[in-house]
PDB file of N, CA and C in Angstrom:
ATOM      1  N   MET A   1      17.773  -9.362  -2.459  1.00  0.00           N
ATOM      2  CA  MET A   1      17.306  -8.233  -3.053  1.00  0.00           C
ATOM      3  C   MET A   1      17.681  -8.966  -4.496  1.00  0.00           C
ATOM      4  N   THR A   2      16.370  -8.324  -5.167  1.00  0.00           N
ATOM      5  CA  THR A   2      16.352  -8.756  -6.779  1.00  0.00           C
ATOM      6  C   THR A   2      17.095  -7.996  -7.625  1.00  0.00           C
ATOM      7  N   ALA A   3      17.840  -8.676  -8.774  1.00  0.00           N
ATOM      8  CA  ALA A   3      18.634  -8.033  -9.753  1.00  0.00           C
ATOM      9  C   ALA A   3      18.188  -6.943 -10.175  1.00  0.00           C
ATOM     10  N   LEU A   4      16.659  -7.152 -10.413  1.00  0.00           N
ATOM     11  CA  LEU A   4      15.626  -5.766 -11.527  1.00  0.00           C
ATOM     12  C   LEU A   4      16.351  -4.516 -10.136  1.00  0.00           C
ATOM     13  N   LEU A   5      16.167  -4.568  -8.641  1.00  0.00           N
ATOM     14  CA  LEU A   5      15.881  -3.482  -7.965  1.00  0.00           C
ATOM     15  C   LEU A   5      17.703  -3.048  -7.864  1.00  0.00           C
ATOM     16  N   GLU A   6      18.263  -4.340  -7.438  1.00  0.00           N
ATOM     17  CA  GLU A   6      19.556  -3.863  -7.713  1.00  0.00           C
ATOM     18  C   GLU A   6      20.037  -2.542  -8.637  1.00  0.00           C
ATOM     19  N   ARG A   7      19.521  -3.128  -9.746  1.00  0.00           N
ATOM     20  CA  ARG A   7      20.203  -2.478 -11.495  1.00  0.00           C
ATOM     21  C   ARG A   7      19.617  -1.125 -10.685  1.00  0.00           C
ATOM     22  N   ALA A   8      18.348  -0.773 -10.750  1.00  0.00           N
ATOM     23  CA  ALA A   8      17.625   0.503 -10.353  1.00  0.00           C
ATOM     24  C   ALA A   8      18.491   1.082  -9.088  1.00  0.00           C
ATOM     25  N   ILE A   9      19.186   0.976  -8.374  1.00  0.00           N
ATOM     26  CA  ILE A   9      19.842   1.413  -7.069  1.00  0.00           C
ATOM     27  C   ILE A   9      21.212   1.512  -7.886  1.00  0.00           C
ATOM     28  N   ALA A  10      21.409   0.972  -8.382  1.00  0.00           N
ATOM     29  CA  ALA A  10      23.273   1.478  -9.200  1.00  0.00           C
ATOM     30  C   ALA A  10      22.640   2.444 -10.237  1.00  0.00           C
ATOM     31  N   LYS A  11      21.745   2.553 -10.619  1.00  0.00           N
ATOM     32  CA  LYS A  11      21.132   3.673 -11.676  1.00  0.00           C
ATOM     33  C   LYS A  11      21.100   4.914 -10.940  1.00  0.00           C
ATOM     34  N   ALA A  12      20.090   4.789 -10.094  1.00  0.00           N
ATOM     35  CA  ALA A  12      19.978   6.335  -8.845  1.00  0.00           C
ATOM     36  C   ALA A  12      20.972   6.454  -8.352  1.00  0.00           C
ATOM     37  N   SER A  13      21.686   5.635  -7.815  1.00  0.00           N
ATOM     38  CA  SER A  13      23.474   6.333  -7.042  1.00  0.00           C
ATOM     39  C   SER A  13      24.313   7.078  -7.805  1.00  0.00           C
ATOM     40  N   ALA A  14      23.707   6.740  -9.177  1.00  0.00           N
ATOM     41  CA  ALA A  14      24.733   7.803 -10.130  1.00  0.00           C
ATOM     42  C   ALA A  14      24.009   9.422 -10.439  1.00  0.00           C
ATOM     43  N   LEU A  15      22.845   9.471  -9.805  1.00  0.00           N
ATOM     44  CA  LEU A  15      22.110  10.235 -10.141  1.00  0.00           C
ATOM     45  C   LEU A  15      22.451  11.726  -9.354  1.00  0.00           C
ATOM     46  N   PRO A  16      22.777  12.434  -9.305  1.00  0.00           N
ATOM     47  CA  PRO A  16      22.792  13.737  -8.340  1.00  0.00           C
ATOM     48  C   PRO A  16      22.086  13.606  -7.089  1.00  0.00           C
ATOM     49  N   GLU A  17      22.376  14.553  -5.928  1.00  0.00           N
ATOM     50  CA  GLU A  17      21.825  13.954  -4.600  1.00  0.00           C
ATOM     51  C   GLU A  17      20.074  14.285  -4.326  1.00  0.00           C
ATOM     52  N   LYS A  18      19.882  15.112  -5.116  1.00  0.00           N
ATOM     53  CA  LYS A  18      18.820  15.935  -4.917  1.00  0.00           C
ATOM     54  C   LYS A  18      17.549  14.493  -5.159  1.00  0.00           C
ATOM     55  N   GLU A  19      18.248  13.963  -6.939  1.00  0.00           N
ATOM     56  CA  GLU A  19      17.383  12.986  -7.313  1.00  0.00           C
ATOM     57  C   GLU A  19      17.356  11.702  -6.298  1.00  0.00           C
ATOM     58  N   GLN A  20      18.399  11.450  -6.141  1.00  0.00           N
ATOM     59  CA  GLN A  20      18.577  10.266  -4.957  1.00  0.00           C
ATOM     60  C   GLN A  20      17.305  10.519  -4.262  1.00  0.00           C
ATOM     61  N   GLU A  21      17.084  11.612  -3.450  1.00  0.00           N
ATOM     62  CA  GLU A  21      16.111  12.125  -2.196  1.00  0.00           C
ATOM     63  C   GLU A  21      14.948  11.876  -2.888  1.00  0.00           C
ATOM     64  N   ALA A  22      14.413  12.235  -3.759  1.00  0.00           N
ATOM     65  CA  ALA A  22      13.351  12.653  -4.173  1.00  0.00           C
ATOM     66  C   ALA A  22      12.937  11.236  -4.822  1.00  0.00           C
ATOM     67  N   ILE A  23      13.477   9.974  -5.609  1.00  0.00           N
ATOM     68  CA  ILE A  23      13.252   8.479  -5.754  1.00  0.00           C
ATOM     69  C   ILE A  23      13.357   7.845  -4.345  1.00  0.00           C
ATOM     70  N   GLY A  24      14.603   8.043  -3.452  1.00  0.00           N
ATOM     71  CA  GLY A  24      13.953   7.316  -2.142  1.00  0.00           C
ATOM     72  C   GLY A  24      12.809   7.767  -1.269  1.00  0.00           C
ATOM     73  N   ALA A  25      12.126   9.190  -1.727  1.00  0.00           N
ATOM     74  CA  ALA A  25      10.807   9.028  -1.002  1.00  0.00           C
ATOM     75  C   ALA A  25       9.655   8.476  -1.603  1.00  0.00           C
ATOM     76  N   LEU A  26      10.279   8.720  -3.193  1.00  0.00           N
ATOM     77  CA  LEU A  26       8.680   7.616  -3.594  1.00  0.00           C
ATOM     78  C   LEU A  26       8.969   6.456  -3.210  1.00  0.00           C
ATOM     79  N   ILE A  27       9.827   5.728  -2.966  1.00  0.00           N
ATOM     80  CA  ILE A  27      10.151   4.236  -2.783  1.00  0.00           C
ATOM     81  C   ILE A  27       9.604   3.632  -1.222  1.00  0.00           C
ATOM     82  N   LEU A  28       9.980   4.702  -0.433  1.00  0.00           N
ATOM     83  CA  LEU A  28       9.358   4.661   0.667  1.00  0.00           C
ATOM     84  C   LEU A  28       8.254   4.633   0.882  1.00  0.00           C
ATOM     85  N   GLU A  29       7.199   6.163   0.167  1.00  0.00           N
ATOM     86  CA  GLU A  29       6.522   6.211  -0.461  1.00  0.00           C
ATOM     87  C   GLU A  29       5.328   4.633  -0.103  1.00  0.00           C
ATOM     88  N   GLU A  30       5.832   4.217  -1.823  1.00  0.00           N
ATOM     89  CA  GLU A  30       4.958   3.026  -2.062  1.00  0.00           C
ATOM     90  C   GLU A  30       4.986   2.207  -1.099  1.00  0.00           C
ATOM     91  N   ILE A  31       6.028   1.751  -0.163  1.00  0.00           N
ATOM     92  CA  ILE A  31       6.773   0.293   0.705  1.00  0.00           C
ATOM     93  C   ILE A  31       5.185   0.715   1.795  1.00  0.00           C
ATOM     94  N   ALA A  32       5.500   2.215   2.096  1.00  0.00           N
ATOM     95  CA  ALA A  32       4.217   2.355   3.025  1.00  0.00           C
ATOM     96  C   ALA A  32       2.463   2.209   2.709  1.00  0.00           C
ATOM     97  N   ASP A  33       2.354   2.696   1.372  1.00  0.00           N
ATOM     98  CA  ASP A  33       1.481   2.134   0.676  1.00  0.00           C
ATOM     99  C   ASP A  33       0.435   0.849   0.649  1.00  0.00           C
ATOM    100  N   ILE A  34       1.587   0.614   0.492  1.00  0.00           N
ATOM    101  CA  ILE A  34       1.404  -1.687   0.244  1.00  0.00           C
ATOM    102  C   ILE A  34       1.425  -1.758   1.744  1.00  0.00           C
ATOM    103  N   HIS A  35       2.027  -1.412   2.325  1.00  0.00           N
ATOM    104  CA  HIS A  35       1.319  -2.154   3.810  1.00  0.00           C
ATOM    105  C   HIS A  35       0.356  -1.546   4.309  1.00  0.00           C
ATOM    106  N   ALA A  36      -0.272  -0.260   4.006  1.00  0.00           N
ATOM    107  CA  ALA A  36      -1.171   0.283   4.493  1.00  0.00           C
ATOM    108  C   ALA A  36      -2.357  -0.581   3.825  1.00  0.00           C
ATOM    109  N   TYR A  37      -2.552  -0.785   2.337  1.00  0.00           N
ATOM    110  CA  TYR A  37      -3.387  -1.403   1.537  1.00  0.00           C
ATOM    111  C   TYR A  37      -3.570  -2.973   2.089  1.00  0.00           C
ATOM    112  N   ASP A  38      -2.135  -3.669   2.382  1.00  0.00           N
ATOM    113  CA  ASP A  38      -2.441  -4.839   3.388  1.00  0.00           C
ATOM    114  C   ASP A  38      -3.218  -4.992   4.657  1.00  0.00           C
ATOM    115  N   ALA A  39      -2.833  -4.052   5.241  1.00  0.00           N
ATOM    116  CA  ALA A  39      -3.668  -3.980   6.762  1.00  0.00           C
ATOM    117  C   ALA A  39      -4.873  -3.822   6.489  1.00  0.00           C
ATOM    118  N   LEU A  40      -5.576  -2.934   5.638  1.00  0.00           N
ATOM    119  CA  LEU A  40      -6.709  -2.862   5.445  1.00  0.00           C
ATOM    120  C   LEU A  40      -7.514  -3.622   4.987  1.00  0.00           C
ATOM    121  N   HIS A  41      -6.713  -4.951   3.905  1.00  0.00           N
ATOM    122  CA  HIS A  41      -7.391  -5.740   2.806  1.00  0.00           C
ATOM    123  C   HIS A  41      -7.697  -6.916   4.047  1.00  0.00           C
ATOM    124  N   ASP A  42      -6.494  -7.186   5.095  1.00  0.00           N
ATOM    125  CA  ASP A  42      -6.724  -7.969   6.169  1.00  0.00           C
ATOM    126  C   ASP A  42      -7.618  -7.758   6.898  1.00  0.00           C
ATOM    127  N   ARG A  43      -8.004  -6.570   7.142  1.00  0.00           N
ATOM    128  CA  ARG A  43      -8.875  -6.129   8.766  1.00  0.00           C
ATOM    129  C   ARG A  43     -10.129  -6.730   8.029  1.00  0.00           C
ATOM    130  N   ALA A  44     -10.720  -6.307   6.382  1.00  0.00           N
ATOM    131  CA  ALA A  44     -11.829  -6.455   6.406  1.00  0.00           C
ATOM    132  C   ALA A  44     -11.910  -7.817   5.956  1.00  0.00           C
ATOM    133  N   HIS A  45     -11.189  -8.751   5.768  1.00  0.00           N
ATOM    134  CA  HIS A  45     -11.399 -10.221   5.655  1.00  0.00           C
ATOM    135  C   HIS A  45     -11.586 -10.751   7.096  1.00  0.00           C
ATOM    136  N   SER A  46     -10.853 -10.083   7.706  1.00  0.00           N
ATOM    137  CA  SER A  46     -11.017 -10.488   9.129  1.00  0.00           C
ATOM    138  C   SER A  46     -12.884 -10.533   9.605  1.00  0.00           C
ATOM    139  N   GLU A  47     -12.898  -9.214   9.595  1.00  0.00           N
ATOM    140  CA  GLU A  47     -14.445  -8.248   9.782  1.00  0.00           C
ATOM    141  C   GLU A  47     -15.574  -9.546   9.266  1.00  0.00           C
ATOM    142  N   ILE A  48     -14.810  -9.362   7.790  1.00  0.00           N
ATOM    143  CA  ILE A  48     -16.397 -10.441   6.913  1.00  0.00           C
ATOM    144  C   ILE A  48     -16.380 -11.902   7.688  1.00  0.00           C
ATOM    145  N   ALA A  49     -14.951 -12.405   7.593  1.00  0.00           N
ATOM    146  CA  ALA A  49     -15.059 -13.865   8.736  1.00  0.00           C
ATOM    147  C   ALA A  49     -15.709 -13.804   9.707  1.00  0.00           C
ATOM    148  N   ALA A  50     -15.579 -12.923  10.230  1.00  0.00           N
ATOM    149  CA  ALA A  50     -16.264 -12.682  11.525  1.00  0.00           C
ATOM    150  C   ALA A  50     -17.589 -12.950  11.850  1.00  0.00           C
ATOM    151  N   GLY A  51     -18.100 -12.439  10.659  1.00  0.00           N
ATOM    152  CA  GLY A  51     -19.588 -12.237  10.782  1.00  0.00           C
ATOM    153  C   GLY A  51     -20.189 -10.574  10.617  1.00  0.00           C
ATOM    154  N   HIS A  52     -19.226 -10.048  11.028  1.00  0.00           N
ATOM    155  CA  HIS A  52     -19.601  -8.235  11.182  1.00  0.00           C
ATOM    156  C   HIS A  52     -19.882  -7.766   9.919  1.00  0.00           C
ATOM    157  N   PHE A  53     -19.958  -8.595   8.535  1.00  0.00           N
ATOM    158  CA  PHE A  53     -20.790  -7.874   7.828  1.00  0.00           C
ATOM    159  C   PHE A  53     -21.476  -8.849   6.526  1.00  0.00           C
ATOM    160  N   SER A  54     -23.086  -8.825   6.653  1.00  0.00           N
ATOM    161  CA  SER A  54     -23.412  -9.534   5.628  1.00  0.00           C
ATOM    162  C   SER A  54     -23.024  -9.711   4.322  1.00  0.00           C
ATOM    163  N   THR A  55     -23.764  -8.153   3.740  1.00  0.00           N
ATOM    164  CA  THR A  55     -23.132  -7.463   2.788  1.00  0.00           C
ATOM    165  C   THR A  55     -22.106  -6.473   2.380  1.00  0.00           C
ATOM    166  N   LEU A  56     -21.898  -6.499   1.179  1.00  0.00           N
ATOM    167  CA  LEU A  56     -21.339  -4.826   0.723  1.00  0.00           C
ATOM    168  C   LEU A  56     -21.987  -3.869   1.262  1.00  0.00           C
ATOM    169  N   LYS A  57     -22.833  -3.885   1.516  1.00  0.00           N
ATOM    170  CA  LYS A  57     -24.047  -2.547   1.868  1.00  0.00           C
ATOM    171  C   LYS A  57     -23.439  -2.221   2.869  1.00  0.00           C
ATOM    172  N   SER A  58     -23.691  -3.394   4.221  1.00  0.00           N
ATOM    173  CA  SER A  58     -23.317  -3.498   5.201  1.00  0.00           C
ATOM    174  C   SER A  58     -22.067  -2.457   5.703  1.00  0.00           C
ATOM    175  N   TYR A  59     -21.012  -3.530   4.980  1.00  0.00           N
ATOM    176  CA  TYR A  59     -19.703  -3.302   5.162  1.00  0.00           C
ATOM    177  C   TYR A  59     -19.343  -1.839   4.959  1.00  0.00           C
ATOM    178  N   ARG A  60     -19.560  -1.473   3.780  1.00  0.00           N
ATOM    179  CA  ARG A  60     -19.615   0.305   2.927  1.00  0.00           C
ATOM    180  C   ARG A  60     -20.383   1.405   4.209  1.00  0.00           C
ATOM    181  N   SER A  61     -21.577   0.885   4.719  1.00  0.00           N
ATOM    182  CA  SER A  61     -22.295   1.846   5.541  1.00  0.00           C
ATOM    183  C   SER A  61     -21.341   1.553   7.107  1.00  0.00           C
ATOM    184  N   ARG A  62     -20.891   0.832   7.642  1.00  0.00           N
ATOM    185  CA  ARG A  62     -20.224   0.406   8.994  1.00  0.00           C
ATOM    186  C   ARG A  62     -18.694   1.344   8.450  1.00  0.00           C
ATOM    187  N   ARG A  63     -18.248   1.571   7.342  1.00  0.00           N
ATOM    188  CA  ARG A  63     -17.277   2.424   6.943  1.00  0.00           C
ATOM    189  C   ARG A  63     -17.624   3.751   6.761  1.00  0.00           C
ATOM    190  N   GLY A  64     -18.294   4.425   6.974  1.00  0.00           N
ATOM    191  CA  GLY A  64     -18.766   5.440   6.372  1.00  0.00           C
ATOM    192  C   GLY A  64     -18.670   5.899   5.125  1.00  0.00           C
ATOM    193  N   ARG A  65     -18.885   4.794   4.389  1.00  0.00           N
ATOM    194  CA  ARG A  65     -18.683   4.628   2.658  1.00  0.00           C
ATOM    195  C   ARG A  65     -20.304   4.932   1.883  1.00  0.00           C
ATOM    196  N   LYS A  66     -20.588   5.350   1.071  1.00  0.00           N
ATOM    197  CA  LYS A  66     -21.848   5.491   0.484  1.00  0.00           C
ATOM    198  C   LYS A  66     -21.777   4.075  -0.113  1.00  0.00           C
ATOM    199  N   ALA A  67     -23.357   3.087  -0.190  1.00  0.00           N
ATOM    200  CA  ALA A  67     -23.547   1.927  -0.656  1.00  0.00           C
ATOM    201  C   ALA A  67     -24.007   1.977  -1.574  1.00  0.00           C
ATOM    202  N   LYS A  68     -23.364   1.418  -2.739  1.00  0.00           N
ATOM    203  CA  LYS A  68     -23.503   1.756  -4.027  1.00  0.00           C
ATOM    204  C   LYS A  68     -25.101   0.577  -4.509  1.00  0.00           C
TER     205      LYS A  68
END
């Protein structure tokens, strides 16, 4: 654990339980978002590398997003 995270945890531990719970939930949500983004990013690069998409337009169309 980094020194900055240790300081943040130490300060958070001095807060009332309700605020600690809220901070804990925020941290876990942020970590989940990071993992979800990383997985999406890795999948997109794998599909592009495998030749599934030749252009951004074709990638977006297969993902159900409007092509620009």
